Amino acid sequence: MPLVDFDAGRAYSDEQFTANGVFESDRTKVIRGYFEPGQFIPVHAPSSDLVVSIRSGTGAVREGETDHRVGPGDVVVVPADTARGIRADEDSRLETLMVTAPPPTDAEHGPVRRGLRRGEFDPE
């Protein structure tokens, strides 16, 4: 697995969160996530386990019906088929390392695309 360099991969966008892939196989996907204040990954429930490690900033990680307040050093694990989403606080950039196993399918990311188009964290 390659060394994960957050400084070299750092990329923010005014439009939406940025997901920079680090590694992907049939079994696992590793992504660096960069969020401007208030940006989010909309709630969705793919058939994959998720580990979110917070590198810097503050925000919330949705796990089912619970919003976990997170900051640097926190790790949230969300089981497969459980609703999840990530949102940066309104006054903080957020950097995460996300690991999914297995990688979600394109169809499972439909709610993400829908939520981003509509500007809705919880599109359902």
PDB file of N, CA and C in Angstrom:
ATOM      1  N   MET A   1       0.852  -1.173   0.000  1.00  0.00           N
ATOM      2  CA  MET A   1       0.000   0.000   0.000  1.00  0.00           C
ATOM      3  C   MET A   1       0.900   1.239   0.000  1.00  0.00           C
ATOM      4  N   PRO A   2       0.532   2.252  -0.772  1.00  0.00           N
ATOM      5  CA  PRO A   2       1.358   3.457  -0.818  1.00  0.00           C
ATOM      6  C   PRO A   2       1.274   4.256   0.481  1.00  0.00           C
ATOM      7  N   LEU A   3       2.305   5.042   0.714  1.00  0.00           N
ATOM      8  CA  LEU A   3       2.309   5.958   1.844  1.00  0.00           C
ATOM      9  C   LEU A   3       1.214   6.995   1.631  1.00  0.00           C
ATOM     10  N   VAL A   4       0.409   7.269   2.653  1.00  0.00           N
ATOM     11  CA  VAL A   4      -0.662   8.255   2.550  1.00  0.00           C
ATOM     12  C   VAL A   4      -0.088   9.616   2.942  1.00  0.00           C
ATOM     13  N   ASP A   5       0.074  10.489   1.952  1.00  0.00           N
ATOM     14  CA  ASP A   5       0.645  11.818   2.166  1.00  0.00           C
ATOM     15  C   ASP A   5      -0.480  12.848   2.086  1.00  0.00           C
ATOM     16  N   PHE A   6      -0.936  13.338   3.238  1.00  0.00           N
ATOM     17  CA  PHE A   6      -2.043  14.290   3.259  1.00  0.00           C
ATOM     18  C   PHE A   6      -1.643  15.645   2.686  1.00  0.00           C
ATOM     19  N   ASP A   7      -0.395  16.040   2.879  1.00  0.00           N
ATOM     20  CA  ASP A   7       0.046  17.331   2.350  1.00  0.00           C
ATOM     21  C   ASP A   7       0.077  17.317   0.823  1.00  0.00           C
ATOM     22  N   ALA A   8       0.612  16.259   0.234  1.00  0.00           N
ATOM     23  CA  ALA A   8       0.707  16.182  -1.233  1.00  0.00           C
ATOM     24  C   ALA A   8      -0.662  16.034  -1.875  1.00  0.00           C
ATOM     25  N   GLY A   9      -1.597  15.390  -1.193  1.00  0.00           N
ATOM     26  CA  GLY A   9      -2.914  15.142  -1.769  1.00  0.00           C
ATOM     27  C   GLY A   9      -3.957  16.177  -1.401  1.00  0.00           C
ATOM     28  N   ARG A  10      -3.593  17.167  -0.599  1.00  0.00           N
ATOM     29  CA  ARG A  10      -4.563  18.145  -0.103  1.00  0.00           C
ATOM     30  C   ARG A  10      -5.146  18.945  -1.263  1.00  0.00           C
ATOM     31  N   ALA A  11      -6.471  18.906  -1.361  1.00  0.00           N
ATOM     32  CA  ALA A  11      -7.175  19.647  -2.411  1.00  0.00           C
ATOM     33  C   ALA A  11      -8.579  19.966  -1.917  1.00  0.00           C
ATOM     34  N   TYR A  12      -8.870  21.231  -1.840  1.00  0.00           N
ATOM     35  CA  TYR A  12     -10.198  21.680  -1.428  1.00  0.00           C
ATOM     36  C   TYR A  12     -10.915  22.268  -2.640  1.00  0.00           C
ATOM     37  N   SER A  13     -12.234  22.199  -2.621  1.00  0.00           N
ATOM     38  CA  SER A  13     -13.062  22.768  -3.686  1.00  0.00           C
ATOM     39  C   SER A  13     -14.170  23.590  -3.056  1.00  0.00           C
ATOM     40  N   ASP A  14     -14.488  24.712  -3.660  1.00  0.00           N
ATOM     41  CA  ASP A  14     -15.600  25.524  -3.178  1.00  0.00           C
ATOM     42  C   ASP A  14     -16.944  24.869  -3.477  1.00  0.00           C
ATOM     43  N   GLU A  15     -16.981  23.945  -4.440  1.00  0.00           N
ATOM     44  CA  GLU A  15     -18.222  23.330  -4.894  1.00  0.00           C
ATOM     45  C   GLU A  15     -18.730  22.237  -3.950  1.00  0.00           C
ATOM     46  N   GLN A  16     -17.851  21.303  -3.583  1.00  0.00           N
ATOM     47  CA  GLN A  16     -18.228  20.173  -2.730  1.00  0.00           C
ATOM     48  C   GLN A  16     -16.970  19.540  -2.161  1.00  0.00           C
ATOM     49  N   PHE A  17     -17.161  18.587  -1.231  1.00  0.00           N
ATOM     50  CA  PHE A  17     -16.011  17.904  -0.636  1.00  0.00           C
ATOM     51  C   PHE A  17     -15.153  17.282  -1.735  1.00  0.00           C
ATOM     52  N   THR A  18     -13.877  17.082  -1.433  1.00  0.00           N
ATOM     53  CA  THR A  18     -12.962  16.461  -2.376  1.00  0.00           C
ATOM     54  C   THR A  18     -12.562  15.092  -1.842  1.00  0.00           C
ATOM     55  N   ALA A  19     -12.664  14.079  -2.678  1.00  0.00           N
ATOM     56  CA  ALA A  19     -12.254  12.720  -2.314  1.00  0.00           C
ATOM     57  C   ALA A  19     -11.085  12.318  -3.209  1.00  0.00           C
ATOM     58  N   ASN A  20      -9.913  12.144  -2.604  1.00  0.00           N
ATOM     59  CA  ASN A  20      -8.729  11.729  -3.345  1.00  0.00           C
ATOM     60  C   ASN A  20      -8.392  10.288  -2.991  1.00  0.00           C
ATOM     61  N   GLY A  21      -8.486   9.423  -3.987  1.00  0.00           N
ATOM     62  CA  GLY A  21      -8.197   8.012  -3.768  1.00  0.00           C
ATOM     63  C   GLY A  21      -6.737   7.761  -3.478  1.00  0.00           C
ATOM     64  N   VAL A  22      -6.490   6.833  -2.564  1.00  0.00           N
ATOM     65  CA  VAL A  22      -5.139   6.433  -2.199  1.00  0.00           C
ATOM     66  C   VAL A  22      -4.878   5.011  -2.671  1.00  0.00           C
ATOM     67  N   PHE A  23      -5.891   4.154  -2.502  1.00  0.00           N
ATOM     68  CA  PHE A  23      -5.743   2.734  -2.828  1.00  0.00           C
ATOM     69  C   PHE A  23      -7.124   2.155  -3.085  1.00  0.00           C
ATOM     70  N   GLU A  24      -7.205   1.230  -4.062  1.00  0.00           N
ATOM     71  CA  GLU A  24      -8.469   0.526  -4.287  1.00  0.00           C
ATOM     72  C   GLU A  24      -8.192  -0.864  -4.829  1.00  0.00           C
ATOM     73  N   SER A  25      -8.927  -1.830  -4.265  1.00  0.00           N
ATOM     74  CA  SER A  25      -8.911  -3.208  -4.752  1.00  0.00           C
ATOM     75  C   SER A  25     -10.351  -3.699  -4.757  1.00  0.00           C
ATOM     76  N   ASP A  26     -10.568  -4.944  -5.075  1.00  0.00           N
ATOM     77  CA  ASP A  26     -11.916  -5.510  -5.028  1.00  0.00           C
ATOM     78  C   ASP A  26     -12.447  -5.562  -3.599  1.00  0.00           C
ATOM     79  N   ARG A  27     -11.541  -5.535  -2.616  1.00  0.00           N
ATOM     80  CA  ARG A  27     -11.926  -5.705  -1.216  1.00  0.00           C
ATOM     81  C   ARG A  27     -11.950  -4.421  -0.400  1.00  0.00           C
ATOM     82  N   THR A  28     -11.153  -3.405  -0.803  1.00  0.00           N
ATOM     83  CA  THR A  28     -10.970  -2.218   0.035  1.00  0.00           C
ATOM     84  C   THR A  28     -10.773  -0.967  -0.819  1.00  0.00           C
ATOM     85  N   LYS A  29     -11.248   0.159  -0.290  1.00  0.00           N
ATOM     86  CA  LYS A  29     -10.991   1.455  -0.917  1.00  0.00           C
ATOM     87  C   LYS A  29     -10.567   2.426   0.182  1.00  0.00           C
ATOM     88  N   VAL A  30      -9.471   3.162  -0.057  1.00  0.00           N
ATOM     89  CA  VAL A  30      -8.947   4.124   0.901  1.00  0.00           C
ATOM     90  C   VAL A  30      -8.957   5.502   0.245  1.00  0.00           C
ATOM     91  N   ILE A  31      -9.534   6.486   0.947  1.00  0.00           N
ATOM     92  CA  ILE A  31      -9.721   7.824   0.392  1.00  0.00           C
ATOM     93  C   ILE A  31      -9.310   8.879   1.413  1.00  0.00           C
ATOM     94  N   ARG A  32      -8.653   9.933   0.937  1.00  0.00           N
ATOM     95  CA  ARG A  32      -8.445  11.137   1.737  1.00  0.00           C
ATOM     96  C   ARG A  32      -9.620  12.056   1.433  1.00  0.00           C
ATOM     97  N   GLY A  33     -10.284  12.551   2.462  1.00  0.00           N
ATOM     98  CA  GLY A  33     -11.422  13.442   2.266  1.00  0.00           C
ATOM     99  C   GLY A  33     -11.108  14.834   2.783  1.00  0.00           C
ATOM    100  N   TYR A  34     -11.399  15.836   1.947  1.00  0.00           N
ATOM    101  CA  TYR A  34     -11.145  17.236   2.292  1.00  0.00           C
ATOM    102  C   TYR A  34     -12.460  18.005   2.182  1.00  0.00           C
ATOM    103  N   PHE A  35     -12.867  18.642   3.270  1.00  0.00           N
ATOM    104  CA  PHE A  35     -14.147  19.339   3.343  1.00  0.00           C
ATOM    105  C   PHE A  35     -13.917  20.795   3.727  1.00  0.00           C
ATOM    106  N   GLU A  36     -14.449  21.712   2.955  1.00  0.00           N
ATOM    107  CA  GLU A  36     -14.494  23.112   3.369  1.00  0.00           C
ATOM    108  C   GLU A  36     -15.564  23.215   4.457  1.00  0.00           C
ATOM    109  N   PRO A  37     -15.578  24.305   5.229  1.00  0.00           N
ATOM    110  CA  PRO A  37     -16.608  24.465   6.260  1.00  0.00           C
ATOM    111  C   PRO A  37     -18.020  24.254   5.689  1.00  0.00           C
ATOM    112  N   GLY A  38     -18.799  23.418   6.382  1.00  0.00           N
ATOM    113  CA  GLY A  38     -20.179  23.154   5.988  1.00  0.00           C
ATOM    114  C   GLY A  38     -20.367  22.118   4.895  1.00  0.00           C
ATOM    115  N   GLN A  39     -19.300  21.683   4.238  1.00  0.00           N
ATOM    116  CA  GLN A  39     -19.451  20.673   3.181  1.00  0.00           C
ATOM    117  C   GLN A  39     -19.701  19.302   3.784  1.00  0.00           C
ATOM    118  N   PHE A  40     -20.251  18.399   2.966  1.00  0.00           N
ATOM    119  CA  PHE A  40     -20.671  17.106   3.492  1.00  0.00           C
ATOM    120  C   PHE A  40     -20.686  16.029   2.419  1.00  0.00           C
ATOM    121  N   ILE A  41     -20.715  14.786   2.902  1.00  0.00           N
ATOM    122  CA  ILE A  41     -21.072  13.617   2.104  1.00  0.00           C
ATOM    123  C   ILE A  41     -22.476  13.266   2.558  1.00  0.00           C
ATOM    124  N   PRO A  42     -23.462  13.305   1.656  1.00  0.00           N
ATOM    125  CA  PRO A  42     -24.843  13.037   2.058  1.00  0.00           C
ATOM    126  C   PRO A  42     -25.027  11.628   2.643  1.00  0.00           C
ATOM    127  N   VAL A  43     -26.031  11.508   3.468  1.00  0.00           N
ATOM    128  CA  VAL A  43     -26.360  10.240   4.112  1.00  0.00           C
ATOM    129  C   VAL A  43     -26.765   9.215   3.049  1.00  0.00           C
ATOM    130  N   HIS A  44     -26.187   8.032   3.178  1.00  0.00           N
ATOM    131  CA  HIS A  44     -26.502   6.901   2.306  1.00  0.00           C
ATOM    132  C   HIS A  44     -26.161   5.634   3.086  1.00  0.00           C
ATOM    133  N   ALA A  45     -26.564   4.465   2.586  1.00  0.00           N
ATOM    134  CA  ALA A  45     -26.361   3.223   3.342  1.00  0.00           C
ATOM    135  C   ALA A  45     -25.879   2.093   2.429  1.00  0.00           C
ATOM    136  N   PRO A  46     -24.639   2.178   1.950  1.00  0.00           N
ATOM    137  CA  PRO A  46     -24.125   1.118   1.085  1.00  0.00           C
ATOM    138  C   PRO A  46     -23.824  -0.166   1.857  1.00  0.00           C
ATOM    139  N   SER A  47     -23.632  -1.230   1.120  1.00  0.00           N
ATOM    140  CA  SER A  47     -23.337  -2.547   1.709  1.00  0.00           C
ATOM    141  C   SER A  47     -21.844  -2.702   1.945  1.00  0.00           C
ATOM    142  N   SER A  48     -21.252  -1.744   2.622  1.00  0.00           N
ATOM    143  CA  SER A  48     -19.833  -1.811   2.949  1.00  0.00           C
ATOM    144  C   SER A  48     -19.601  -1.218   4.325  1.00  0.00           C
ATOM    145  N   ASP A  49     -18.621  -1.770   5.017  1.00  0.00           N
ATOM    146  CA  ASP A  49     -18.202  -1.203   6.295  1.00  0.00           C
ATOM    147  C   ASP A  49     -17.398   0.059   6.007  1.00  0.00           C
ATOM    148  N   LEU A  50     -17.440   1.013   6.951  1.00  0.00           N
ATOM    149  CA  LEU A  50     -16.719   2.279   6.788  1.00  0.00           C
ATOM    150  C   LEU A  50     -15.957   2.592   8.065  1.00  0.00           C
ATOM    151  N   VAL A  51     -14.709   3.009   7.903  1.00  0.00           N
ATOM    152  CA  VAL A  51     -13.906   3.539   8.999  1.00  0.00           C
ATOM    153  C   VAL A  51     -13.542   4.963   8.608  1.00  0.00           C
ATOM    154  N   VAL A  52     -13.854   5.920   9.490  1.00  0.00           N
ATOM    155  CA  VAL A  52     -13.514   7.327   9.261  1.00  0.00           C
ATOM    156  C   VAL A  52     -12.559   7.760  10.369  1.00  0.00           C
ATOM    157  N   SER A  53     -11.356   8.178   9.980  1.00  0.00           N
ATOM    158  CA  SER A  53     -10.373   8.692  10.924  1.00  0.00           C
ATOM    159  C   SER A  53     -10.251  10.197  10.678  1.00  0.00           C
ATOM    160  N   ILE A  54     -10.432  10.988  11.718  1.00  0.00           N
ATOM    161  CA  ILE A  54     -10.372  12.438  11.592  1.00  0.00           C
ATOM    162  C   ILE A  54      -8.930  12.895  11.786  1.00  0.00           C
ATOM    163  N   ARG A  55      -8.400  13.530  10.760  1.00  0.00           N
ATOM    164  CA  ARG A  55      -7.025  14.034  10.794  1.00  0.00           C
ATOM    165  C   ARG A  55      -6.959  15.441  11.372  1.00  0.00           C
ATOM    166  N   SER A  56      -7.875  16.309  10.924  1.00  0.00           N
ATOM    167  CA  SER A  56      -7.898  17.680  11.428  1.00  0.00           C
ATOM    168  C   SER A  56      -9.289  18.257  11.230  1.00  0.00           C
ATOM    169  N   GLY A  57      -9.576  19.302  11.998  1.00  0.00           N
ATOM    170  CA  GLY A  57     -10.870  19.960  11.915  1.00  0.00           C
ATOM    171  C   GLY A  57     -11.903  19.299  12.803  1.00  0.00           C
ATOM    172  N   THR A  58     -13.141  19.819  12.693  1.00  0.00           N
ATOM    173  CA  THR A  58     -14.246  19.274  13.484  1.00  0.00           C
ATOM    174  C   THR A  58     -15.477  19.119  12.614  1.00  0.00           C
ATOM    175  N   GLY A  59     -16.363  18.228  13.045  1.00  0.00           N
ATOM    176  CA  GLY A  59     -17.586  17.993  12.294  1.00  0.00           C
ATOM    177  C   GLY A  59     -18.420  16.916  12.957  1.00  0.00           C
ATOM    178  N   ALA A  60     -19.185  16.218  12.122  1.00  0.00           N
ATOM    179  CA  ALA A  60     -20.053  15.150  12.605  1.00  0.00           C
ATOM    180  C   ALA A  60     -20.020  13.990  11.611  1.00  0.00           C
ATOM    181  N   VAL A  61     -20.071  12.782  12.158  1.00  0.00           N
ATOM    182  CA  VAL A  61     -20.209  11.571  11.345  1.00  0.00           C
ATOM    183  C   VAL A  61     -21.517  10.920  11.761  1.00  0.00           C
ATOM    184  N   ARG A  62     -22.424  10.743  10.813  1.00  0.00           N
ATOM    185  CA  ARG A  62     -23.701  10.077  11.071  1.00  0.00           C
ATOM    186  C   ARG A  62     -23.481   8.573  11.020  1.00  0.00           C
ATOM    187  N   GLU A  63     -23.996   7.890  12.034  1.00  0.00           N
ATOM    188  CA  GLU A  63     -24.001   6.422  12.092  1.00  0.00           C
ATOM    189  C   GLU A  63     -25.409   6.025  12.496  1.00  0.00           C
ATOM    190  N   GLY A  64     -26.203   5.573  11.519  1.00  0.00           N
ATOM    191  CA  GLY A  64     -27.591   5.260  11.803  1.00  0.00           C
ATOM    192  C   GLY A  64     -28.334   6.520  12.192  1.00  0.00           C
ATOM    193  N   GLU A  65     -28.885   6.544  13.401  1.00  0.00           N
ATOM    194  CA  GLU A  65     -29.630   7.709  13.896  1.00  0.00           C
ATOM    195  C   GLU A  65     -28.768   8.639  14.746  1.00  0.00           C
ATOM    196  N   THR A  66     -27.479   8.305  14.905  1.00  0.00           N
ATOM    197  CA  THR A  66     -26.600   9.058  15.796  1.00  0.00           C
ATOM    198  C   THR A  66     -25.625   9.915  15.010  1.00  0.00           C
ATOM    199  N   ASP A  67     -25.517  11.193  15.383  1.00  0.00           N
ATOM    200  CA  ASP A  67     -24.491  12.079  14.852  1.00  0.00           C
ATOM    201  C   ASP A  67     -23.374  12.152  15.883  1.00  0.00           C
ATOM    202  N   HIS A  68     -22.211  11.615  15.543  1.00  0.00           N
ATOM    203  CA  HIS A  68     -21.056  11.648  16.441  1.00  0.00           C
ATOM    204  C   HIS A  68     -20.274  12.929  16.195  1.00  0.00           C
ATOM    205  N   ARG A  69     -20.073  13.738  17.223  1.00  0.00           N
ATOM    206  CA  ARG A  69     -19.214  14.919  17.126  1.00  0.00           C
ATOM    207  C   ARG A  69     -17.776  14.420  17.050  1.00  0.00           C
ATOM    208  N   VAL A  70     -17.002  14.914  16.081  1.00  0.00           N
ATOM    209  CA  VAL A  70     -15.646  14.401  15.876  1.00  0.00           C
ATOM    210  C   VAL A  70     -14.636  15.539  15.771  1.00  0.00           C
ATOM    211  N   GLY A  71     -13.406  15.194  16.143  1.00  0.00           N
ATOM    212  CA  GLY A  71     -12.266  16.095  16.043  1.00  0.00           C
ATOM    213  C   GLY A  71     -11.009  15.279  15.802  1.00  0.00           C
ATOM    214  N   PRO A  72      -9.862  15.931  15.719  1.00  0.00           N
ATOM    215  CA  PRO A  72      -8.608  15.240  15.414  1.00  0.00           C
ATOM    216  C   PRO A  72      -8.358  14.040  16.322  1.00  0.00           C
ATOM    217  N   GLY A  73      -8.011  12.922  15.697  1.00  0.00           N
ATOM    218  CA  GLY A  73      -7.723  11.690  16.421  1.00  0.00           C
ATOM    219  C   GLY A  73      -8.915  10.776  16.610  1.00  0.00           C
ATOM    220  N   ASP A  74     -10.127  11.268  16.385  1.00  0.00           N
ATOM    221  CA  ASP A  74     -11.315  10.426  16.534  1.00  0.00           C
ATOM    222  C   ASP A  74     -11.448   9.454  15.362  1.00  0.00           C
ATOM    223  N   VAL A  75     -12.006   8.290  15.664  1.00  0.00           N
ATOM    224  CA  VAL A  75     -12.285   7.269  14.652  1.00  0.00           C
ATOM    225  C   VAL A  75     -13.718   6.795  14.859  1.00  0.00           C
ATOM    226  N   VAL A  76     -14.487   6.750  13.768  1.00  0.00           N
ATOM    227  CA  VAL A  76     -15.861   6.239  13.807  1.00  0.00           C
ATOM    228  C   VAL A  76     -15.938   5.060  12.838  1.00  0.00           C
ATOM    229  N   VAL A  77     -16.544   3.960  13.299  1.00  0.00           N
ATOM    230  CA  VAL A  77     -16.738   2.776  12.469  1.00  0.00           C
ATOM    231  C   VAL A  77     -18.234   2.604  12.251  1.00  0.00           C
ATOM    232  N   VAL A  78     -18.626   2.469  10.975  1.00  0.00           N
ATOM    233  CA  VAL A  78     -20.041   2.311  10.629  1.00  0.00           C
ATOM    234  C   VAL A  78     -20.199   0.987   9.881  1.00  0.00           C
ATOM    235  N   PRO A  79     -21.017   0.060  10.406  1.00  0.00           N
ATOM    236  CA  PRO A  79     -21.204  -1.231   9.739  1.00  0.00           C
ATOM    237  C   PRO A  79     -21.944  -1.084   8.402  1.00  0.00           C
ATOM    238  N   ALA A  80     -21.780  -2.075   7.561  1.00  0.00           N
ATOM    239  CA  ALA A  80     -22.468  -2.130   6.270  1.00  0.00           C
ATOM    240  C   ALA A  80     -23.974  -1.998   6.459  1.00  0.00           C
ATOM    241  N   ASP A  81     -24.633  -1.430   5.467  1.00  0.00           N
ATOM    242  CA  ASP A  81     -26.096  -1.270   5.430  1.00  0.00           C
ATOM    243  C   ASP A  81     -26.624  -0.338   6.515  1.00  0.00           C
ATOM    244  N   THR A  82     -25.763   0.476   7.094  1.00  0.00           N
ATOM    245  CA  THR A  82     -26.147   1.463   8.095  1.00  0.00           C
ATOM    246  C   THR A  82     -25.988   2.852   7.477  1.00  0.00           C
ATOM    247  N   ALA A  83     -26.999   3.704   7.670  1.00  0.00           N
ATOM    248  CA  ALA A  83     -26.921   5.064   7.131  1.00  0.00           C
ATOM    249  C   ALA A  83     -25.696   5.773   7.684  1.00  0.00           C
ATOM    250  N   ARG A  84     -24.992   6.480   6.766  1.00  0.00           N
ATOM    251  CA  ARG A  84     -23.812   7.223   7.183  1.00  0.00           C
ATOM    252  C   ARG A  84     -23.664   8.466   6.329  1.00  0.00           C
ATOM    253  N   GLY A  85     -23.058   9.470   6.897  1.00  0.00           N
ATOM    254  CA  GLY A  85     -22.737  10.707   6.207  1.00  0.00           C
ATOM    255  C   GLY A  85     -21.698  11.446   7.027  1.00  0.00           C
ATOM    256  N   ILE A  86     -21.009  12.391   6.400  1.00  0.00           N
ATOM    257  CA  ILE A  86     -19.961  13.158   7.077  1.00  0.00           C
ATOM    258  C   ILE A  86     -20.200  14.632   6.762  1.00  0.00           C
ATOM    259  N   ARG A  87     -20.070  15.469   7.797  1.00  0.00           N
ATOM    260  CA  ARG A  87     -20.281  16.901   7.586  1.00  0.00           C
ATOM    261  C   ARG A  87     -19.257  17.694   8.403  1.00  0.00           C
ATOM    262  N   ALA A  88     -18.610  18.659   7.742  1.00  0.00           N
ATOM    263  CA  ALA A  88     -17.696  19.570   8.432  1.00  0.00           C
ATOM    264  C   ALA A  88     -18.513  20.632   9.158  1.00  0.00           C
ATOM    265  N   ASP A  89     -18.015  21.079  10.307  1.00  0.00           N
ATOM    266  CA  ASP A  89     -18.657  22.188  10.997  1.00  0.00           C
ATOM    267  C   ASP A  89     -18.620  23.431  10.120  1.00  0.00           C
ATOM    268  N   GLU A  90     -19.515  24.365  10.394  1.00  0.00           N
ATOM    269  CA  GLU A  90     -19.622  25.596   9.598  1.00  0.00           C
ATOM    270  C   GLU A  90     -18.402  26.502   9.735  1.00  0.00           C
ATOM    271  N   ASP A  91     -17.588  26.278  10.765  1.00  0.00           N
ATOM    272  CA  ASP A  91     -16.435  27.147  10.989  1.00  0.00           C
ATOM    273  C   ASP A  91     -15.106  26.400  10.933  1.00  0.00           C
ATOM    274  N   SER A  92     -15.082  25.219  10.267  1.00  0.00           N
ATOM    275  CA  SER A  92     -13.867  24.420  10.294  1.00  0.00           C
ATOM    276  C   SER A  92     -13.711  23.585   9.029  1.00  0.00           C
ATOM    277  N   ARG A  93     -12.522  23.607   8.459  1.00  0.00           N
ATOM    278  CA  ARG A  93     -12.199  22.616   7.438  1.00  0.00           C
ATOM    279  C   ARG A  93     -12.083  21.270   8.144  1.00  0.00           C
ATOM    280  N   LEU A  94     -12.296  20.192   7.390  1.00  0.00           N
ATOM    281  CA  LEU A  94     -12.231  18.840   7.941  1.00  0.00           C
ATOM    282  C   LEU A  94     -11.409  17.972   7.004  1.00  0.00           C
ATOM    283  N   GLU A  95     -10.459  17.227   7.558  1.00  0.00           N
ATOM    284  CA  GLU A  95      -9.673  16.267   6.774  1.00  0.00           C
ATOM    285  C   GLU A  95      -9.858  14.886   7.386  1.00  0.00           C
ATOM    286  N   THR A  96     -10.174  13.918   6.520  1.00  0.00           N
ATOM    287  CA  THR A  96     -10.439  12.556   6.982  1.00  0.00           C
ATOM    288  C   THR A  96      -9.674  11.535   6.152  1.00  0.00           C
ATOM    289  N   LEU A  97      -9.462  10.393   6.741  1.00  0.00           N
ATOM    290  CA  LEU A  97      -9.041   9.203   6.022  1.00  0.00           C
ATOM    291  C   LEU A  97     -10.206   8.237   6.132  1.00  0.00           C
ATOM    292  N   MET A  98     -10.732   7.791   4.986  1.00  0.00           N
ATOM    293  CA  MET A  98     -11.893   6.901   4.966  1.00  0.00           C
ATOM    294  C   MET A  98     -11.499   5.577   4.312  1.00  0.00           C
ATOM    295  N   VAL A  99     -11.911   4.489   4.954  1.00  0.00           N
ATOM    296  CA  VAL A  99     -11.654   3.152   4.430  1.00  0.00           C
ATOM    297  C   VAL A  99     -12.990   2.432   4.321  1.00  0.00           C
ATOM    298  N   THR A 100     -13.310   1.925   3.127  1.00  0.00           N
ATOM    299  CA  THR A 100     -14.531   1.151   2.930  1.00  0.00           C
ATOM    300  C   THR A 100     -14.159  -0.259   2.489  1.00  0.00           C
ATOM    301  N   ALA A 101     -14.933  -1.228   2.968  1.00  0.00           N
ATOM    302  CA  ALA A 101     -14.690  -2.621   2.608  1.00  0.00           C
ATOM    303  C   ALA A 101     -16.016  -3.362   2.551  1.00  0.00           C
ATOM    304  N   PRO A 102     -16.382  -3.902   1.411  1.00  0.00           N
ATOM    305  CA  PRO A 102     -15.781  -3.667   0.102  1.00  0.00           C
ATOM    306  C   PRO A 102     -16.161  -2.275  -0.408  1.00  0.00           C
ATOM    307  N   PRO A 103     -15.532  -1.815  -1.500  1.00  0.00           N
ATOM    308  CA  PRO A 103     -15.889  -0.504  -2.036  1.00  0.00           C
ATOM    309  C   PRO A 103     -17.371  -0.463  -2.432  1.00  0.00           C
ATOM    310  N   PRO A 104     -18.054   0.649  -2.150  1.00  0.00           N
ATOM    311  CA  PRO A 104     -19.460   0.776  -2.554  1.00  0.00           C
ATOM    312  C   PRO A 104     -19.584   0.772  -4.079  1.00  0.00           C
ATOM    313  N   THR A 105     -20.724   0.339  -4.546  1.00  0.00           N
ATOM    314  CA  THR A 105     -20.974   0.353  -5.987  1.00  0.00           C
ATOM    315  C   THR A 105     -21.412   1.748  -6.424  1.00  0.00           C
ATOM    316  N   ASP A 106     -21.375   1.981  -7.714  1.00  0.00           N
ATOM    317  CA  ASP A 106     -21.837   3.260  -8.261  1.00  0.00           C
ATOM    318  C   ASP A 106     -23.319   3.472  -7.936  1.00  0.00           C
ATOM    319  N   ALA A 107     -24.116   2.413  -8.036  1.00  0.00           N
ATOM    320  CA  ALA A 107     -25.552   2.521  -7.740  1.00  0.00           C
ATOM    321  C   ALA A 107     -25.792   2.900  -6.280  1.00  0.00           C
ATOM    322  N   GLU A 108     -24.961   2.396  -5.365  1.00  0.00           N
ATOM    323  CA  GLU A 108     -25.128   2.714  -3.945  1.00  0.00           C
ATOM    324  C   GLU A 108     -24.815   4.180  -3.639  1.00  0.00           C
ATOM    325  N   HIS A 109     -24.132   4.846  -4.561  1.00  0.00           N
ATOM    326  CA  HIS A 109     -23.814   6.259  -4.364  1.00  0.00           C
ATOM    327  C   HIS A 109     -24.852   7.187  -4.983  1.00  0.00           C
ATOM    328  N   GLY A 110     -25.967   6.640  -5.474  1.00  0.00           N
ATOM    329  CA  GLY A 110     -27.059   7.463  -5.996  1.00  0.00           C
ATOM    330  C   GLY A 110     -27.536   8.510  -5.008  1.00  0.00           C
ATOM    331  N   PRO A 111     -27.802   8.133  -3.742  1.00  0.00           N
ATOM    332  CA  PRO A 111     -28.231   9.137  -2.761  1.00  0.00           C
ATOM    333  C   PRO A 111     -27.179  10.228  -2.526  1.00  0.00           C
ATOM    334  N   VAL A 112     -25.906   9.883  -2.666  1.00  0.00           N
ATOM    335  CA  VAL A 112     -24.844  10.882  -2.501  1.00  0.00           C
ATOM    336  C   VAL A 112     -24.944  11.914  -3.624  1.00  0.00           C
ATOM    337  N   ARG A 113     -25.025  11.434  -4.859  1.00  0.00           N
ATOM    338  CA  ARG A 113     -25.137  12.363  -5.994  1.00  0.00           C
ATOM    339  C   ARG A 113     -26.392  13.227  -5.881  1.00  0.00           C
ATOM    340  N   ARG A 114     -27.499  12.605  -5.494  1.00  0.00           N
ATOM    341  CA  ARG A 114     -28.772  13.328  -5.333  1.00  0.00           C
ATOM    342  C   ARG A 114     -28.651  14.404  -4.242  1.00  0.00           C
ATOM    343  N   GLY A 115     -28.093  14.037  -3.113  1.00  0.00           N
ATOM    344  CA  GLY A 115     -27.936  14.984  -2.015  1.00  0.00           C
ATOM    345  C   GLY A 115     -27.018  16.135  -2.374  1.00  0.00           C
ATOM    346  N   LEU A 116     -25.934  15.854  -3.097  1.00  0.00           N
ATOM    347  CA  LEU A 116     -25.029  16.925  -3.503  1.00  0.00           C
ATOM    348  C   LEU A 116     -25.710  17.872  -4.487  1.00  0.00           C
ATOM    349  N   ARG A 117     -26.465  17.320  -5.434  1.00  0.00           N
ATOM    350  CA  ARG A 117     -27.193  18.172  -6.400  1.00  0.00           C
ATOM    351  C   ARG A 117     -28.173  19.094  -5.700  1.00  0.00           C
ATOM    352  N   ARG A 118     -28.847  18.565  -4.690  1.00  0.00           N
ATOM    353  CA  ARG A 118     -29.885  19.327  -3.975  1.00  0.00           C
ATOM    354  C   ARG A 118     -29.344  20.130  -2.790  1.00  0.00           C
ATOM    355  N   GLY A 119     -28.082  19.884  -2.432  1.00  0.00           N
ATOM    356  CA  GLY A 119     -27.522  20.561  -1.266  1.00  0.00           C
ATOM    357  C   GLY A 119     -28.103  20.054   0.038  1.00  0.00           C
ATOM    358  N   GLU A 120     -28.448  18.740   0.078  1.00  0.00           N
ATOM    359  CA  GLU A 120     -29.080  18.142   1.255  1.00  0.00           C
ATOM    360  C   GLU A 120     -28.168  17.090   1.884  1.00  0.00           C
ATOM    361  N   PHE A 121     -27.914  17.246   3.171  1.00  0.00           N
ATOM    362  CA  PHE A 121     -27.124  16.259   3.897  1.00  0.00           C
ATOM    363  C   PHE A 121     -27.870  14.932   3.996  1.00  0.00           C
ATOM    364  N   ASP A 122     -29.164  14.984   4.263  1.00  0.00           N
ATOM    365  CA  ASP A 122     -29.981  13.777   4.407  1.00  0.00           C
ATOM    366  C   ASP A 122     -31.050  13.773   3.313  1.00  0.00           C
ATOM    367  N   PRO A 123     -30.704  13.278   2.098  1.00  0.00           N
ATOM    368  CA  PRO A 123     -31.583  13.414   0.935  1.00  0.00           C
ATOM    369  C   PRO A 123     -32.829  12.541   0.931  1.00  0.00           C
ATOM    370  N   GLU A 124     -32.949  11.592   1.850  1.00  0.00           N
ATOM    371  CA  GLU A 124     -34.113  10.701   1.801  1.00  0.00           C
ATOM    372  C   GLU A 124     -35.315  11.277   2.493  1.00  0.00           C
TER     373      GLU A 124
END
